Amino acid sequence: MIRINLVARVAGDKNAFPDLVNMAHQLKQQGMTGFVLTFIGAIEDNAIYENTIRLAEQLGVTEHIAFTKRSIPMAQLSEELKSGYFLNFTVGSFMGYSSIDSINLGFKTIFCNCDEFLADEKYDYINVCRNLNEVVKLFLLIDKDAETIDKQMMANNQLMKRSFLLTAEDASLLKSLMLPNG
């Protein structure tokens, strides 16, 4: 069973729920059936939750959608969830703190650009996708050969993590630029 996790509260400022239900539908249409997409977070907007459930019913993927219905710190997730894949939305190559946390915790982390204006950017990592269609393709690869893809993904996550950190030289330059001349 492939676990796909999104850490996000169900709230009005989050708009990925219908897109991810559609992604589950695409996966099922492509013949992938051994997966569950879990939304990890509190339900703050019941209408969004109900609409997500209704869409899952309409698309025939209810059995592939789950909600924790509460926020859970990533470090305190069940082993079953931790063993899954953590989907993080990015704006182009900008990845937020939750992405870094996911990598630091050793999770299999997948990044998906959510800005259509940056969808043409080229990425060198297997787990950095330009859009949800590429995420679907990645999960289809995982379904065929998880061991190989997982190794690449974990190696890429470590390379990405190093690129988030400043070198001593960069830190010194930044510090000199921030300090007043004098």
C-alpha atoms as a PDB file:
ATOM      1  CA  MET A   1       0.000   0.000   0.000  1.00  0.00           C
ATOM      2  CA  ILE A   2       1.427   3.360  -1.027  1.00  0.00           C
ATOM      3  CA  ARG A   3       0.686   6.178   1.382  1.00  0.00           C
ATOM      4  CA  ILE A   4       0.547   9.687  -0.049  1.00  0.00           C
ATOM      5  CA  ASN A   5       0.466  12.310   2.698  1.00  0.00           C
ATOM      6  CA  LEU A   6      -0.320  16.006   2.623  1.00  0.00           C
ATOM      7  CA  VAL A   7       0.204  17.907   5.852  1.00  0.00           C
ATOM      8  CA  ALA A   8      -2.346  20.722   5.648  1.00  0.00           C
ATOM      9  CA  ARG A   9      -5.305  21.849   7.654  1.00  0.00           C
ATOM     10  CA  VAL A  10      -8.608  21.838   5.795  1.00  0.00           C
ATOM     11  CA  ALA A  11      -9.175  25.583   5.557  1.00  0.00           C
ATOM     12  CA  GLY A  12     -10.183  28.295   3.100  1.00  0.00           C
ATOM     13  CA  ASP A  13      -6.614  29.399   2.427  1.00  0.00           C
ATOM     14  CA  LYS A  14      -5.756  25.910   1.207  1.00  0.00           C
ATOM     15  CA  ASN A  15      -7.062  25.040  -2.238  1.00  0.00           C
ATOM     16  CA  ALA A  16      -5.333  21.806  -3.230  1.00  0.00           C
ATOM     17  CA  PHE A  17      -7.978  19.365  -2.004  1.00  0.00           C
ATOM     18  CA  PRO A  18     -10.001  19.068  -5.255  1.00  0.00           C
ATOM     19  CA  ASP A  19      -6.781  18.862  -7.283  1.00  0.00           C
ATOM     20  CA  LEU A  20      -5.494  16.032  -5.115  1.00  0.00           C
ATOM     21  CA  VAL A  21      -8.775  14.135  -5.296  1.00  0.00           C
ATOM     22  CA  ASN A  22      -8.506  14.488  -9.081  1.00  0.00           C
ATOM     23  CA  MET A  23      -4.928  13.211  -8.829  1.00  0.00           C
ATOM     24  CA  ALA A  24      -6.237  10.137  -6.966  1.00  0.00           C
ATOM     25  CA  HIS A  25      -8.763   9.663  -9.766  1.00  0.00           C
ATOM     26  CA  GLN A  26      -5.995   9.876 -12.389  1.00  0.00           C
ATOM     27  CA  LEU A  27      -3.927   7.299 -10.505  1.00  0.00           C
ATOM     28  CA  LYS A  28      -6.895   4.953 -10.348  1.00  0.00           C
ATOM     29  CA  GLN A  29      -7.627   5.470 -14.063  1.00  0.00           C
ATOM     30  CA  GLN A  30      -4.001   4.547 -14.810  1.00  0.00           C
ATOM     31  CA  GLY A  31      -4.495   1.238 -12.995  1.00  0.00           C
ATOM     32  CA  MET A  32      -2.920   2.120  -9.652  1.00  0.00           C
ATOM     33  CA  THR A  33      -5.216   0.933  -6.871  1.00  0.00           C
ATOM     34  CA  GLY A  34      -2.956   0.202  -3.890  1.00  0.00           C
ATOM     35  CA  PHE A  35      -2.737   3.713  -2.472  1.00  0.00           C
ATOM     36  CA  VAL A  36      -4.287   6.027   0.098  1.00  0.00           C
ATOM     37  CA  LEU A  37      -4.082   9.807   0.006  1.00  0.00           C
ATOM     38  CA  THR A  38      -4.171  11.095   3.581  1.00  0.00           C
ATOM     39  CA  PHE A  39      -4.841  14.706   4.483  1.00  0.00           C
ATOM     40  CA  ILE A  40      -3.089  15.315   7.799  1.00  0.00           C
ATOM     41  CA  GLY A  41      -4.583  18.314   9.538  1.00  0.00           C
ATOM     42  CA  ALA A  42      -7.499  19.770  11.435  1.00  0.00           C
ATOM     43  CA  ILE A  43     -10.783  20.401   9.671  1.00  0.00           C
ATOM     44  CA  GLU A  44     -11.279  24.150  10.050  1.00  0.00           C
ATOM     45  CA  ASP A  45     -13.753  24.541   7.201  1.00  0.00           C
ATOM     46  CA  ASN A  46     -16.448  21.876   7.179  1.00  0.00           C
ATOM     47  CA  ALA A  47     -17.773  22.968   3.760  1.00  0.00           C
ATOM     48  CA  ILE A  48     -14.383  22.305   2.124  1.00  0.00           C
ATOM     49  CA  TYR A  49     -14.187  18.942   3.885  1.00  0.00           C
ATOM     50  CA  GLU A  50     -17.713  17.975   2.739  1.00  0.00           C
ATOM     51  CA  ASN A  51     -17.007  19.138  -0.837  1.00  0.00           C
ATOM     52  CA  THR A  52     -13.812  17.064  -0.879  1.00  0.00           C
ATOM     53  CA  ILE A  53     -15.704  13.983   0.311  1.00  0.00           C
ATOM     54  CA  ARG A  54     -18.452  14.591  -2.259  1.00  0.00           C
ATOM     55  CA  LEU A  55     -15.911  14.951  -5.098  1.00  0.00           C
ATOM     56  CA  ALA A  56     -14.181  11.725  -4.006  1.00  0.00           C
ATOM     57  CA  GLU A  57     -17.567   9.964  -4.142  1.00  0.00           C
ATOM     58  CA  GLN A  58     -18.344  11.385  -7.600  1.00  0.00           C
ATOM     59  CA  LEU A  59     -14.951  10.273  -8.944  1.00  0.00           C
ATOM     60  CA  GLY A  60     -15.131   6.845  -7.304  1.00  0.00           C
ATOM     61  CA  VAL A  61     -12.019   7.260  -5.143  1.00  0.00           C
ATOM     62  CA  THR A  62     -13.538   7.411  -1.657  1.00  0.00           C
ATOM     63  CA  GLU A  63     -11.577   4.312  -0.605  1.00  0.00           C
ATOM     64  CA  HIS A  64      -8.351   6.113  -1.568  1.00  0.00           C
ATOM     65  CA  ILE A  65      -8.969   9.255   0.527  1.00  0.00           C
ATOM     66  CA  ALA A  66      -8.468   9.600   4.277  1.00  0.00           C
ATOM     67  CA  PHE A  67      -8.399  12.448   6.792  1.00  0.00           C
ATOM     68  CA  THR A  68      -6.780  12.519  10.221  1.00  0.00           C
ATOM     69  CA  LYS A  69      -9.261  15.320  11.099  1.00  0.00           C
ATOM     70  CA  ARG A  70      -6.716  16.801  13.482  1.00  0.00           C
ATOM     71  CA  SER A  71      -3.313  18.386  13.241  1.00  0.00           C
ATOM     72  CA  ILE A  72      -0.449  16.135  14.233  1.00  0.00           C
ATOM     73  CA  PRO A  73       3.183  17.287  14.502  1.00  0.00           C
ATOM     74  CA  MET A  74       5.165  15.529  11.797  1.00  0.00           C
ATOM     75  CA  ALA A  75       7.529  13.950  14.320  1.00  0.00           C
ATOM     76  CA  GLN A  76       4.528  12.396  16.123  1.00  0.00           C
ATOM     77  CA  LEU A  77       2.868  10.746  13.142  1.00  0.00           C
ATOM     78  CA  SER A  78       2.215   7.012  13.210  1.00  0.00           C
ATOM     79  CA  GLU A  79       4.871   4.774  11.702  1.00  0.00           C
ATOM     80  CA  GLU A  80       2.396   3.856   8.975  1.00  0.00           C
ATOM     81  CA  LEU A  81       2.101   7.507   7.875  1.00  0.00           C
ATOM     82  CA  LYS A  82       5.827   8.167   8.306  1.00  0.00           C
ATOM     83  CA  SER A  83       6.598   5.334   5.889  1.00  0.00           C
ATOM     84  CA  GLY A  84       4.621   7.081   3.154  1.00  0.00           C
ATOM     85  CA  TYR A  85       5.418   9.862   0.722  1.00  0.00           C
ATOM     86  CA  PHE A  86       5.019  13.467   1.806  1.00  0.00           C
ATOM     87  CA  LEU A  87       3.753  15.830  -0.844  1.00  0.00           C
ATOM     88  CA  ASN A  88       4.814  19.468  -0.476  1.00  0.00           C
ATOM     89  CA  PHE A  89       3.576  22.272  -2.679  1.00  0.00           C
ATOM     90  CA  THR A  90       6.162  24.797  -3.795  1.00  0.00           C
ATOM     91  CA  VAL A  91       6.287  27.977  -5.801  1.00  0.00           C
ATOM     92  CA  GLY A  92       8.798  27.082  -8.479  1.00  0.00           C
ATOM     93  CA  SER A  93      11.972  26.042  -6.714  1.00  0.00           C
ATOM     94  CA  PHE A  94      11.061  27.853  -3.467  1.00  0.00           C
ATOM     95  CA  MET A  95      10.426  25.292  -0.759  1.00  0.00           C
ATOM     96  CA  GLY A  96       9.068  26.256   2.631  1.00  0.00           C
ATOM     97  CA  TYR A  97       9.920  25.194   6.160  1.00  0.00           C
ATOM     98  CA  SER A  98       7.615  22.170   6.106  1.00  0.00           C
ATOM     99  CA  SER A  99       9.648  20.838   3.174  1.00  0.00           C
ATOM    100  CA  ILE A 100      12.868  21.162   5.148  1.00  0.00           C
ATOM    101  CA  ASP A 101      11.205  19.577   8.197  1.00  0.00           C
ATOM    102  CA  SER A 102      10.040  16.672   6.066  1.00  0.00           C
ATOM    103  CA  ILE A 103      13.551  16.074   4.734  1.00  0.00           C
ATOM    104  CA  ASN A 104      15.114  16.487   8.193  1.00  0.00           C
ATOM    105  CA  LEU A 105      12.756  13.849   9.569  1.00  0.00           C
ATOM    106  CA  GLY A 106      13.911  11.436   6.861  1.00  0.00           C
ATOM    107  CA  PHE A 107      10.568  11.316   5.061  1.00  0.00           C
ATOM    108  CA  LYS A 108      10.284  10.471   1.385  1.00  0.00           C
ATOM    109  CA  THR A 109       9.479  13.983   0.239  1.00  0.00           C
ATOM    110  CA  ILE A 110       7.971  14.974  -3.090  1.00  0.00           C
ATOM    111  CA  PHE A 111       7.752  18.572  -4.239  1.00  0.00           C
ATOM    112  CA  CYS A 112       5.126  19.901  -6.628  1.00  0.00           C
ATOM    113  CA  ASN A 113       5.174  23.369  -8.127  1.00  0.00           C
ATOM    114  CA  CYS A 114       1.753  24.988  -7.738  1.00  0.00           C
ATOM    115  CA  ASP A 115       2.459  28.158  -9.734  1.00  0.00           C
ATOM    116  CA  GLU A 116       1.404  27.674 -13.366  1.00  0.00           C
ATOM    117  CA  PHE A 117       3.693  30.545 -14.429  1.00  0.00           C
ATOM    118  CA  LEU A 118       6.680  28.515 -13.225  1.00  0.00           C
ATOM    119  CA  ALA A 119       5.546  25.184 -14.684  1.00  0.00           C
ATOM    120  CA  ASP A 120       8.192  25.332 -17.415  1.00  0.00           C
ATOM    121  CA  GLU A 121      11.121  25.382 -14.975  1.00  0.00           C
ATOM    122  CA  LYS A 122      13.455  22.417 -15.313  1.00  0.00           C
ATOM    123  CA  TYR A 123      14.342  20.405 -12.228  1.00  0.00           C
ATOM    124  CA  ASP A 124      17.191  17.929 -11.858  1.00  0.00           C
ATOM    125  CA  TYR A 125      15.608  15.828  -9.123  1.00  0.00           C
ATOM    126  CA  ILE A 126      13.184  12.935  -9.639  1.00  0.00           C
ATOM    127  CA  ASN A 127      11.065  14.102  -6.706  1.00  0.00           C
ATOM    128  CA  VAL A 128      10.623  17.729  -7.840  1.00  0.00           C
ATOM    129  CA  CYS A 129       7.637  17.929 -10.159  1.00  0.00           C
ATOM    130  CA  ARG A 130       6.503  20.827 -12.322  1.00  0.00           C
ATOM    131  CA  ASN A 131       2.813  20.069 -11.754  1.00  0.00           C
ATOM    132  CA  LEU A 132       0.410  17.413 -10.512  1.00  0.00           C
ATOM    133  CA  ASN A 133       0.570  15.526 -13.813  1.00  0.00           C
ATOM    134  CA  GLU A 134       4.252  14.896 -13.106  1.00  0.00           C
ATOM    135  CA  VAL A 135       3.350  13.815  -9.561  1.00  0.00           C
ATOM    136  CA  VAL A 136       0.965  11.253 -11.078  1.00  0.00           C
ATOM    137  CA  LYS A 137       3.756   9.971 -13.337  1.00  0.00           C
ATOM    138  CA  LEU A 138       6.107   9.751 -10.351  1.00  0.00           C
ATOM    139  CA  PHE A 139       3.612   7.689  -8.332  1.00  0.00           C
ATOM    140  CA  LEU A 140       3.110   5.376 -11.294  1.00  0.00           C
ATOM    141  CA  LEU A 141       6.899   4.830 -11.314  1.00  0.00           C
ATOM    142  CA  ILE A 142       6.857   4.258  -7.549  1.00  0.00           C
ATOM    143  CA  ASP A 143       4.072   1.714  -8.004  1.00  0.00           C
ATOM    144  CA  LYS A 144       6.283  -0.212 -10.459  1.00  0.00           C
ATOM    145  CA  ASP A 145       9.638   0.033  -8.627  1.00  0.00           C
ATOM    146  CA  ALA A 146       9.411   1.703  -5.217  1.00  0.00           C
ATOM    147  CA  GLU A 147      12.820   0.517  -4.034  1.00  0.00           C
ATOM    148  CA  THR A 148      14.740   2.181  -6.881  1.00  0.00           C
ATOM    149  CA  ILE A 149      12.693   5.395  -6.824  1.00  0.00           C
ATOM    150  CA  ASP A 150      12.902   5.616  -3.014  1.00  0.00           C
ATOM    151  CA  LYS A 151      16.706   5.414  -3.118  1.00  0.00           C
ATOM    152  CA  GLN A 152      16.875   8.185  -5.718  1.00  0.00           C
ATOM    153  CA  MET A 153      14.371  10.289  -3.805  1.00  0.00           C
ATOM    154  CA  MET A 154      16.200  10.006  -0.488  1.00  0.00           C
ATOM    155  CA  ALA A 155      19.532  10.836  -2.148  1.00  0.00           C
ATOM    156  CA  ASN A 156      17.945  13.824  -3.884  1.00  0.00           C
ATOM    157  CA  ASN A 157      16.405  14.999  -0.622  1.00  0.00           C
ATOM    158  CA  GLN A 158      19.847  15.106   0.984  1.00  0.00           C
ATOM    159  CA  LEU A 159      21.309  17.017  -1.964  1.00  0.00           C
ATOM    160  CA  MET A 160      18.450  19.483  -1.786  1.00  0.00           C
ATOM    161  CA  LYS A 161      18.887  19.899   1.952  1.00  0.00           C
ATOM    162  CA  ARG A 162      22.524  20.880   1.453  1.00  0.00           C
ATOM    163  CA  SER A 163      21.456  23.466  -1.115  1.00  0.00           C
ATOM    164  CA  PHE A 164      19.143  25.079   1.472  1.00  0.00           C
ATOM    165  CA  LEU A 165      22.038  25.809   3.817  1.00  0.00           C
ATOM    166  CA  LEU A 166      24.469  28.689   3.489  1.00  0.00           C
ATOM    167  CA  THR A 167      28.154  27.968   3.146  1.00  0.00           C
ATOM    168  CA  ALA A 168      30.427  29.760   5.603  1.00  0.00           C
ATOM    169  CA  GLU A 169      31.484  32.076   2.767  1.00  0.00           C
ATOM    170  CA  ASP A 170      27.869  32.894   1.834  1.00  0.00           C
ATOM    171  CA  ALA A 171      26.962  33.476   5.480  1.00  0.00           C
ATOM    172  CA  SER A 172      29.914  35.841   5.912  1.00  0.00           C
ATOM    173  CA  LEU A 173      28.954  37.771   2.773  1.00  0.00           C
ATOM    174  CA  LEU A 174      25.335  38.033   3.859  1.00  0.00           C
ATOM    175  CA  LYS A 175      26.355  39.209   7.299  1.00  0.00           C
ATOM    176  CA  SER A 176      28.646  41.891   5.807  1.00  0.00           C
ATOM    177  CA  LEU A 177      25.833  43.114   3.567  1.00  0.00           C
ATOM    178  CA  MET A 178      23.449  43.404   6.495  1.00  0.00           C
ATOM    179  CA  LEU A 179      25.783  45.233   8.866  1.00  0.00           C
ATOM    180  CA  PRO A 180      26.011  49.010   8.558  1.00  0.00           C
ATOM    181  CA  ASN A 181      29.239  50.297   7.031  1.00  0.00           C
ATOM    182  CA  GLY A 182      31.354  51.842   9.614  1.00  0.00           C
END
